[in-house]
C-alpha atoms as a PDB file:
ATOM      1  CA  MET A   1      15.041   8.653 -17.012  1.00  0.00           C
ATOM      2  CA  THR A   2      11.755   7.602 -16.468  1.00  0.00           C
ATOM      3  CA  PRO A   3       9.472   4.002 -16.482  1.00  0.00           C
ATOM      4  CA  PRO A   4       9.456   2.611 -20.131  1.00  0.00           C
ATOM      5  CA  GLU A   5       5.570   3.138 -20.556  1.00  0.00           C
ATOM      6  CA  PRO A   6       4.159  -0.405 -20.195  1.00  0.00           C
ATOM      7  CA  THR A   7       1.282  -1.592 -22.039  1.00  0.00           C
ATOM      8  CA  SER A   8      -1.835  -1.335 -20.628  1.00  0.00           C
ATOM      9  CA  SER A   9      -3.807   1.849 -19.324  1.00  0.00           C
ATOM     10  CA  PRO A  10      -3.765   0.925 -15.253  1.00  0.00           C
ATOM     11  CA  ASP A  11      -0.047  -0.096 -15.400  1.00  0.00           C
ATOM     12  CA  LEU A  12       0.358   3.458 -17.868  1.00  0.00           C
ATOM     13  CA  ALA A  13      -0.939   4.554 -14.744  1.00  0.00           C
ATOM     14  CA  ALA A  14       0.855   3.275 -12.307  1.00  0.00           C
ATOM     15  CA  ALA A  15       3.645   3.752 -13.382  1.00  0.00           C
ATOM     16  CA  GLN A  16       3.358   7.599 -13.688  1.00  0.00           C
ATOM     17  CA  ALA A  17       1.821   6.755  -9.771  1.00  0.00           C
ATOM     18  CA  ALA A  18       4.824   5.029  -9.109  1.00  0.00           C
ATOM     19  CA  ARG A  19       7.481   7.802 -10.127  1.00  0.00           C
ATOM     20  CA  THR A  20       5.507  10.330  -8.310  1.00  0.00           C
ATOM     21  CA  ILE A  21       5.519   8.886  -5.608  1.00  0.00           C
ATOM     22  CA  ALA A  22       9.709   7.638  -5.024  1.00  0.00           C
ATOM     23  CA  LEU A  23      10.662  11.431  -5.958  1.00  0.00           C
ATOM     24  CA  GLN A  24       7.629  13.012  -3.049  1.00  0.00           C
ATOM     25  CA  MET A  25       9.662   9.572  -0.397  1.00  0.00           C
ATOM     26  CA  LEU A  26      13.219  11.293  -0.799  1.00  0.00           C
ATOM     27  CA  GLU A  27      11.886  13.798   1.449  1.00  0.00           C
ATOM     28  CA  GLU A  28      11.805  11.958   4.446  1.00  0.00           C
ATOM     29  CA  ARG A  29      14.646  10.408   6.500  1.00  0.00           C
ATOM     30  CA  GLY A  30      14.121   7.957   9.712  1.00  0.00           C
ATOM     31  CA  ARG A  31      11.450   7.480  11.610  1.00  0.00           C
ATOM     32  CA  GLY A  32       9.726   9.706   9.054  1.00  0.00           C
ATOM     33  CA  ALA A  33      10.081   7.400   6.416  1.00  0.00           C
ATOM     34  CA  VAL A  34       8.918   4.035   8.090  1.00  0.00           C
ATOM     35  CA  LEU A  35       5.943   6.178   9.339  1.00  0.00           C
ATOM     36  CA  VAL A  36       4.693   7.827   6.112  1.00  0.00           C
ATOM     37  CA  GLY A  37       5.346   5.584   3.747  1.00  0.00           C
ATOM     38  CA  VAL A  38       3.029   3.018   6.201  1.00  0.00           C
ATOM     39  CA  ALA A  39       0.851   5.144   6.525  1.00  0.00           C
ATOM     40  CA  ARG A  40       0.287   5.902   2.720  1.00  0.00           C
ATOM     41  CA  VAL A  41      -0.024   1.896   1.896  1.00  0.00           C
ATOM     42  CA  ASP A  42      -2.399   2.290   5.270  1.00  0.00           C
ATOM     43  CA  ALA A  43      -4.264   4.986   2.524  1.00  0.00           C
ATOM     44  CA  ALA A  44      -4.142   3.097  -0.466  1.00  0.00           C
ATOM     45  CA  LEU A  45      -5.771  -0.339   0.965  1.00  0.00           C
ATOM     46  CA  GLU A  46      -8.204   1.848   2.378  1.00  0.00           C
ATOM     47  CA  HIS A  47      -9.385   2.729  -1.221  1.00  0.00           C
ATOM     48  CA  LEU A  48      -9.260  -0.151  -2.280  1.00  0.00           C
ATOM     49  CA  LEU A  49     -11.486  -1.615   0.291  1.00  0.00           C
ATOM     50  CA  GLN A  50     -13.910   1.069  -0.383  1.00  0.00           C
ATOM     51  CA  ALA A  51     -14.294   0.001  -3.775  1.00  0.00           C
ATOM     52  CA  VAL A  52     -16.212  -2.826  -3.001  1.00  0.00           C
ATOM     53  CA  MET A  53     -17.660  -1.739  -0.409  1.00  0.00           C
ATOM     54  CA  ALA A  54     -21.376  -0.005  -0.903  1.00  0.00           C
ATOM     55  CA  PRO A  55     -21.123   3.105   0.038  1.00  0.00           C
ATOM     56  CA  GLY A  56     -21.663   3.829   3.352  1.00  0.00           C
ATOM     57  CA  PRO A  57     -24.898   5.202   4.989  1.00  0.00           C
ATOM     58  CA  SER A  58     -23.439   9.457   5.022  1.00  0.00           C
ATOM     59  CA  LYS A  59     -20.067  10.731   5.140  1.00  0.00           C
ATOM     60  CA  ALA A  60     -19.515   9.995   8.078  1.00  0.00           C
ATOM     61  CA  ASP A  61     -20.155   6.847   7.760  1.00  0.00           C
ATOM     62  CA  GLY A  62     -16.632   5.903  10.001  1.00  0.00           C
ATOM     63  CA  LEU A  63     -15.838   2.265   9.305  1.00  0.00           C
ATOM     64  CA  PHE A  64     -12.335   2.668   9.356  1.00  0.00           C
ATOM     65  CA  LEU A  65     -11.126   5.289  12.945  1.00  0.00           C
ATOM     66  CA  PRO A  66      -9.245   4.282  14.786  1.00  0.00           C
ATOM     67  CA  GLU A  67     -11.656   2.099  16.815  1.00  0.00           C
ATOM     68  CA  ARG A  68     -13.451   0.596  14.646  1.00  0.00           C
ATOM     69  CA  PRO A  69     -13.304  -3.191  13.276  1.00  0.00           C
ATOM     70  CA  LEU A  70     -11.598  -1.326   9.759  1.00  0.00           C
ATOM     71  CA  GLY A  71      -9.359   1.156  12.200  1.00  0.00           C
ATOM     72  CA  SER A  72      -6.018  -0.939  11.765  1.00  0.00           C
ATOM     73  CA  LEU A  73      -3.656  -2.359   9.096  1.00  0.00           C
ATOM     74  CA  GLY A  74      -3.417  -5.851  10.072  1.00  0.00           C
ATOM     75  CA  ALA A  75      -7.190  -5.320  10.349  1.00  0.00           C
ATOM     76  CA  LYS A  76      -7.531  -4.261   6.368  1.00  0.00           C
ATOM     77  CA  VAL A  77      -5.145  -6.039   5.395  1.00  0.00           C
ATOM     78  CA  ALA A  78      -6.947  -9.689   6.431  1.00  0.00           C
ATOM     79  CA  LEU A  79     -10.723  -8.243   4.743  1.00  0.00           C
ATOM     80  CA  ALA A  80      -7.946  -7.568   2.062  1.00  0.00           C
ATOM     81  CA  ARG A  81      -6.504 -11.171   1.889  1.00  0.00           C
ATOM     82  CA  ARG A  82     -10.068 -12.697   2.852  1.00  0.00           C
ATOM     83  CA  LEU A  83     -11.585 -11.288  -0.753  1.00  0.00           C
ATOM     84  CA  GLY A  84      -9.503 -12.229  -3.109  1.00  0.00           C
ATOM     85  CA  LEU A  85      -8.237  -8.246  -3.434  1.00  0.00           C
ATOM     86  CA  ILE A  86      -4.404  -9.210  -2.390  1.00  0.00           C
ATOM     87  CA  ASP A  87      -2.385 -12.088  -3.442  1.00  0.00           C
ATOM     88  CA  ALA A  88      -0.137 -13.853  -0.352  1.00  0.00           C
ATOM     89  CA  GLN A  89       2.791 -12.537  -0.573  1.00  0.00           C
ATOM     90  CA  VAL A  90       1.702  -8.797  -0.656  1.00  0.00           C
ATOM     91  CA  GLU A  91      -0.493 -10.185   2.077  1.00  0.00           C
ATOM     92  CA  ARG A  92       2.965 -10.543   3.397  1.00  0.00           C
ATOM     93  CA  ALA A  93       4.281  -7.344   2.552  1.00  0.00           C
ATOM     94  CA  LEU A  94       1.683  -5.795   4.829  1.00  0.00           C
ATOM     95  CA  SER A  95       2.317  -7.667   7.486  1.00  0.00           C
ATOM     96  CA  ALA A  96       6.307  -6.645   8.242  1.00  0.00           C
ATOM     97  CA  LEU A  97       5.450  -3.010   6.961  1.00  0.00           C
ATOM     98  CA  ARG A  98       2.921  -3.220   9.774  1.00  0.00           C
ATOM     99  CA  LYS A  99       5.362  -5.146  12.223  1.00  0.00           C
ATOM    100  CA  LEU A 100       7.877  -2.770  11.485  1.00  0.00           C
ATOM    101  CA  ARG A 101       6.491   0.275  11.263  1.00  0.00           C
ATOM    102  CA  ASN A 102       5.568  -1.005  15.384  1.00  0.00           C
ATOM    103  CA  ALA A 103       9.495  -0.876  15.688  1.00  0.00           C
ATOM    104  CA  PHE A 104       9.960   2.314  14.840  1.00  0.00           C
ATOM    105  CA  ALA A 105       6.962   3.618  16.046  1.00  0.00           C
ATOM    106  CA  HIS A 106       7.826   2.720  19.517  1.00  0.00           C
ATOM    107  CA  SER A 107      11.685   2.353  19.698  1.00  0.00           C
ATOM    108  CA  THR A 108      13.248   5.418  22.080  1.00  0.00           C
ATOM    109  CA  GLU A 109      15.840   4.615  20.016  1.00  0.00           C
ATOM    110  CA  SER A 110      17.101   7.006  16.363  1.00  0.00           C
ATOM    111  CA  ALA A 111      15.972   3.279  13.815  1.00  0.00           C
ATOM    112  CA  SER A 112      17.336   2.663  11.646  1.00  0.00           C
ATOM    113  CA  LEU A 113      15.933   0.675   7.734  1.00  0.00           C
ATOM    114  CA  SER A 114      20.095  -1.320   8.032  1.00  0.00           C
ATOM    115  CA  ASP A 115      19.393  -2.563  10.867  1.00  0.00           C
ATOM    116  CA  PRO A 116      20.388  -6.020  11.058  1.00  0.00           C
ATOM    117  CA  VAL A 117      16.587  -6.836  12.849  1.00  0.00           C
ATOM    118  CA  HIS A 118      14.211  -4.540   9.857  1.00  0.00           C
ATOM    119  CA  SER A 119      16.271  -4.824   6.592  1.00  0.00           C
ATOM    120  CA  ALA A 120      16.402  -9.255   7.488  1.00  0.00           C
ATOM    121  CA  ARG A 121      12.894  -8.513   7.936  1.00  0.00           C
ATOM    122  CA  LEU A 122      12.008  -6.403   4.777  1.00  0.00           C
ATOM    123  CA  ALA A 123      14.968  -8.477   2.573  1.00  0.00           C
ATOM    124  CA  GLU A 124      12.530 -11.183   0.866  1.00  0.00           C
ATOM    125  CA  ILE A 125       9.566  -8.565   0.238  1.00  0.00           C
ATOM    126  CA  TYR A 126      12.579  -6.409  -1.743  1.00  0.00           C
ATOM    127  CA  THR A 127      12.447 -10.002  -3.864  1.00  0.00           C
ATOM    128  CA  ALA A 128       9.684 -10.927  -3.788  1.00  0.00           C
ATOM    129  CA  ALA A 129       8.579  -7.333  -5.130  1.00  0.00           C
ATOM    130  CA  SER A 130      11.612  -6.399  -7.570  1.00  0.00           C
ATOM    131  CA  ILE A 131      10.369  -8.531 -10.147  1.00  0.00           C
ATOM    132  CA  ASN A 132       7.420  -5.847 -10.434  1.00  0.00           C
ATOM    133  CA  PRO A 133       8.701  -3.930 -14.107  1.00  0.00           C
ATOM    134  CA  LEU A 134       8.895  -0.570 -11.924  1.00  0.00           C
ATOM    135  CA  TRP A 135      11.770  -1.404  -9.617  1.00  0.00           C
ATOM    136  CA  ALA A 136      14.674  -1.804 -11.774  1.00  0.00           C
ATOM    137  CA  PRO A 137      13.398   1.393 -13.819  1.00  0.00           C
ATOM    138  CA  LEU A 138      12.645   3.732 -10.746  1.00  0.00           C
ATOM    139  CA  GLU A 139      15.661   1.974  -8.941  1.00  0.00           C
ATOM    140  CA  SER A 140      17.018   4.186 -11.818  1.00  0.00           C
ATOM    141  CA  VAL A 141      15.266   7.197 -11.533  1.00  0.00           C
ATOM    142  CA  LEU A 142      16.003   7.338  -7.424  1.00  0.00           C
ATOM    143  CA  THR A 143      19.858   6.537  -7.823  1.00  0.00           C
ATOM    144  CA  ALA A 144      19.822   9.202 -10.434  1.00  0.00           C
ATOM    145  CA  GLN A 145      18.976  11.730  -7.382  1.00  0.00           C
ATOM    146  CA  PRO A 146      21.388  13.915  -6.311  1.00  0.00           C
ATOM    147  CA  PRO A 147      22.525  14.376  -2.655  1.00  0.00           C
ATOM    148  CA  SER A 148      19.843  15.497  -0.622  1.00  0.00           C
ATOM    149  CA  ALA A 149      20.501  18.105   2.121  1.00  0.00           C
ATOM    150  CA  HIS A 150      20.128  14.509   4.433  1.00  0.00           C
ATOM    151  CA  GLY A 151      23.164  12.939   2.211  1.00  0.00           C
ATOM    152  CA  PRO A 152      23.313  10.016  -0.727  1.00  0.00           C
ATOM    153  CA  LEU A 153      19.930   7.564  -0.589  1.00  0.00           C
ATOM    154  CA  GLU A 154      21.028   5.016   1.380  1.00  0.00           C
ATOM    155  CA  PRO A 155      20.727   1.554   0.210  1.00  0.00           C
ATOM    156  CA  ALA A 156      18.533   0.241   2.816  1.00  0.00           C
ATOM    157  CA  LEU A 157      16.159   3.643   1.879  1.00  0.00           C
ATOM    158  CA  ARG A 158      16.180   3.652  -1.776  1.00  0.00           C
ATOM    159  CA  ASP A 159      14.568  -0.247  -1.760  1.00  0.00           C
ATOM    160  CA  TYR A 160      12.046   0.680   0.979  1.00  0.00           C
ATOM    161  CA  ILE A 161      10.717   3.771  -0.931  1.00  0.00           C
ATOM    162  CA  LEU A 162      10.810   1.319  -3.611  1.00  0.00           C
ATOM    163  CA  LEU A 163       8.493  -0.846  -2.127  1.00  0.00           C
ATOM    164  CA  ILE A 164       6.245   1.690  -0.976  1.00  0.00           C
ATOM    165  CA  THR A 165       5.720   3.745  -4.385  1.00  0.00           C
ATOM    166  CA  ILE A 166       5.303   0.066  -6.103  1.00  0.00           C
ATOM    167  CA  LEU A 167       2.685  -0.405  -3.180  1.00  0.00           C
ATOM    168  CA  VAL A 168       0.669   1.958  -2.859  1.00  0.00           C
ATOM    169  CA  ALA A 169       0.948   2.602  -7.427  1.00  0.00           C
ATOM    170  CA  PHE A 170      -0.744  -0.640  -8.107  1.00  0.00           C
ATOM    171  CA  LEU A 171      -3.102  -0.592  -4.787  1.00  0.00           C
ATOM    172  CA  GLU A 172      -4.762   2.729  -6.572  1.00  0.00           C
ATOM    173  CA  ALA A 173      -4.271   0.955  -9.647  1.00  0.00           C
ATOM    174  CA  THR A 174      -6.386  -2.159  -8.748  1.00  0.00           C
ATOM    175  CA  ALA A 175      -9.079   0.355  -6.799  1.00  0.00           C
ATOM    176  CA  GLN A 176      -9.578   1.992 -10.634  1.00  0.00           C
ATOM    177  CA  GLN A 177     -10.327  -0.918 -11.464  1.00  0.00           C
ATOM    178  CA  LEU A 178     -12.949  -2.061  -9.220  1.00  0.00           C
ATOM    179  CA  LYS A 179     -16.320  -1.081  -8.711  1.00  0.00           C
ATOM    180  CA  PRO A 180     -18.800  -2.180  -5.178  1.00  0.00           C
ATOM    181  CA  TYR A 181     -20.109  -5.513  -4.777  1.00  0.00           C
ATOM    182  CA  ARG A 182     -23.819  -6.650  -4.922  1.00  0.00           C
ATOM    183  CA  ALA A 183     -24.738  -9.651  -3.465  1.00  0.00           C
ATOM    184  CA  PRO A 184     -27.301 -11.542  -4.939  1.00  0.00           C
ATOM    185  CA  VAL A 185     -29.310 -12.140  -2.119  1.00  0.00           C
ATOM    186  CA  VAL A 186     -29.934  -9.792  -0.018  1.00  0.00           C
ATOM    187  CA  MET A 187     -32.268 -11.056   3.887  1.00  0.00           C
ATOM    188  CA  GLY A 188     -34.553  -9.468   4.011  1.00  0.00           C
ATOM    189  CA  PHE A 189     -37.704  -9.909   7.143  1.00  0.00           C
ATOM    190  CA  SER A 190     -40.193 -11.255   4.668  1.00  0.00           C
ATOM    191  CA  GLY A 191     -36.622 -13.425   3.692  1.00  0.00           C
ATOM    192  CA  VAL A 192     -34.402 -14.204   1.488  1.00  0.00           C
ATOM    193  CA  LEU A 193     -34.785 -11.725  -1.465  1.00  0.00           C
ATOM    194  CA  ARG A 194     -33.472 -11.386  -4.790  1.00  0.00           C
ATOM    195  CA  VAL A 195     -31.428  -7.983  -5.636  1.00  0.00           C
ATOM    196  CA  GLU A 196     -33.812  -7.077  -8.239  1.00  0.00           C
ATOM    197  CA  ALA A 197     -36.851  -7.567  -6.039  1.00  0.00           C
ATOM    198  CA  ALA A 198     -35.145  -5.319  -2.789  1.00  0.00           C
ATOM    199  CA  SER A 199     -34.319  -2.360  -5.012  1.00  0.00           C
END
């Protein structure tokens, strides 16, 4: 079963991307699923921010490198929210994923998404994300997949895959509709200049 075709092209692109992402995520399990999933969300959020920024002075700008101001997922989330690119629910979801990733990355034991501490952190976010029109059809796609070499798909991992899929697909779809921001005025040594005069 494939997701229904949305009426607008950005949603159609998101639906197609979401199905691909969901099926690719099935190959991951445990700690790998969490780390890979959050890395994909981080990359999509970076792409969203780049869509509204003027190009850097060179390809090796490095603004998003780990030791730079926008190198952390937390900084990207905060900036995206302050710019109005994501809403409060998405901000909460991204912040929860950042905490989840950190917990899994620093755990010395075998961490699981079904652990009560993690499932409690994600339950409210899954409820919020499940209103997305792609949640139910993608859930059907994942449920219909035959068991992998890792065994059947656990509900906790299925819901996590759905969340990651929807976040990545819609962050990317949003980025495709944005243009770099251009301030109406620019500060120069001669004073405050209108953009046309400063060019």
